[in-house]
């Protein structure tokens, strides 16, 4: 019987994608609630982080997209904290 070997990096990418999908579903379900809506900046940050996972095979592009997503999330967090 032939064993299927998955590289460690492919395993981490698959786990990351599953986690991002779960988070996206939770955000979507929370978005139905009227008191919390996803801001455009949050959506953009989420998209950059997802793109970083998908293009993770090229480290420069993957980490760059992750960095942009995290910076956008921090900016959105800072803007929200100023409002209240």
Protein backbone atom coordinates (compact mmCIF):
# COMPACT_ATOMS: atom_id res chain seq x y z
CA UNK A 1 0.00 0.00 0.00
CA UNK A 2 1.31 3.42 -0.97
CA UNK A 3 1.55 6.08 1.73
CA UNK A 4 0.72 9.67 0.98
CA UNK A 5 3.25 12.10 2.42
CA UNK A 6 2.36 15.72 2.87
CA UNK A 7 5.12 18.23 3.32
CA UNK A 8 5.09 20.12 6.59
CA UNK A 9 4.64 23.49 4.89
CA UNK A 10 1.68 22.17 2.90
CA UNK A 11 0.13 20.91 6.11
CA UNK A 12 0.49 24.33 7.76
CA UNK A 13 -0.99 26.05 4.71
CA UNK A 14 -3.96 23.67 4.72
CA UNK A 15 -4.54 24.22 8.45
CA UNK A 16 -4.25 27.99 7.97
CA UNK A 17 -6.82 27.95 5.17
CA UNK A 18 -9.24 25.91 7.30
CA UNK A 19 -8.82 28.35 10.20
CA UNK A 20 -9.35 31.37 7.93
CA UNK A 21 -12.50 29.81 6.49
CA UNK A 22 -13.83 29.19 10.01
CA UNK A 23 -13.05 32.79 11.00
CA UNK A 24 -14.72 34.06 7.81
CA UNK A 25 -17.85 32.06 8.60
CA UNK A 26 -17.91 33.41 12.16
CA UNK A 27 -17.52 36.97 10.88
CA UNK A 28 -20.25 36.40 8.32
CA UNK A 29 -22.60 35.02 10.95
CA UNK A 30 -21.75 37.89 13.32
CA UNK A 31 -22.38 40.31 10.45
CA UNK A 32 -26.01 39.29 10.45
CA UNK A 33 -26.21 40.78 13.92
CA UNK A 34 -27.10 44.45 13.56
CA UNK A 35 -24.82 45.72 16.33
CA UNK A 36 -21.56 44.54 14.70
CA UNK A 37 -20.70 45.09 11.06
CA UNK A 38 -17.42 44.35 9.30
CA UNK A 39 -15.78 47.61 8.26
CA UNK A 40 -14.28 47.94 4.78
CA UNK A 41 -10.81 48.23 6.31
CA UNK A 42 -11.32 44.99 8.25
CA UNK A 43 -12.47 43.26 5.09
CA UNK A 44 -9.43 44.51 3.21
CA UNK A 45 -7.10 43.37 6.00
CA UNK A 46 -8.78 39.96 6.02
CA UNK A 47 -8.35 39.72 2.23
CA UNK A 48 -4.64 40.54 2.43
CA UNK A 49 -4.09 37.94 5.13
CA UNK A 50 -5.98 35.35 3.10
CA UNK A 51 -3.90 36.25 0.03
CA UNK A 52 -0.76 35.88 2.15
CA UNK A 53 -1.80 32.35 3.00
CA UNK A 54 -2.63 31.49 -0.59
CA UNK A 55 0.62 32.94 -1.96
CA UNK A 56 2.70 31.62 0.93
CA UNK A 57 4.87 29.49 -1.33
CA UNK A 58 6.77 32.63 -2.35
CA UNK A 59 7.94 33.91 1.01
CA UNK A 60 8.53 37.52 0.01
CA UNK A 61 5.03 37.92 -1.44
CA UNK A 62 3.33 35.86 1.26
CA UNK A 63 4.96 37.66 4.18
CA UNK A 64 4.45 41.01 2.47
CA UNK A 65 0.73 40.38 2.11
CA UNK A 66 0.55 39.19 5.73
CA UNK A 67 2.32 42.37 6.84
CA UNK A 68 -0.04 44.64 4.91
CA UNK A 69 -3.05 42.79 6.34
CA UNK A 70 -1.78 43.10 9.90
CA UNK A 71 -0.97 46.80 9.45
CA UNK A 72 -4.49 47.44 8.10
CA UNK A 73 -6.02 45.54 11.02
CA UNK A 74 -4.01 47.58 13.52
CA UNK A 75 -5.00 50.84 11.79
CA UNK A 76 -8.67 49.81 11.91
CA UNK A 77 -8.36 48.88 15.58
CA UNK A 78 -6.76 52.26 16.32
CA UNK A 79 -9.51 54.13 14.42
CA UNK A 80 -12.23 52.23 16.29
CA UNK A 81 -10.64 52.91 19.66
CA UNK A 82 -10.54 56.64 18.89
CA UNK A 83 -14.28 56.71 18.11
CA UNK A 84 -15.35 55.44 21.52
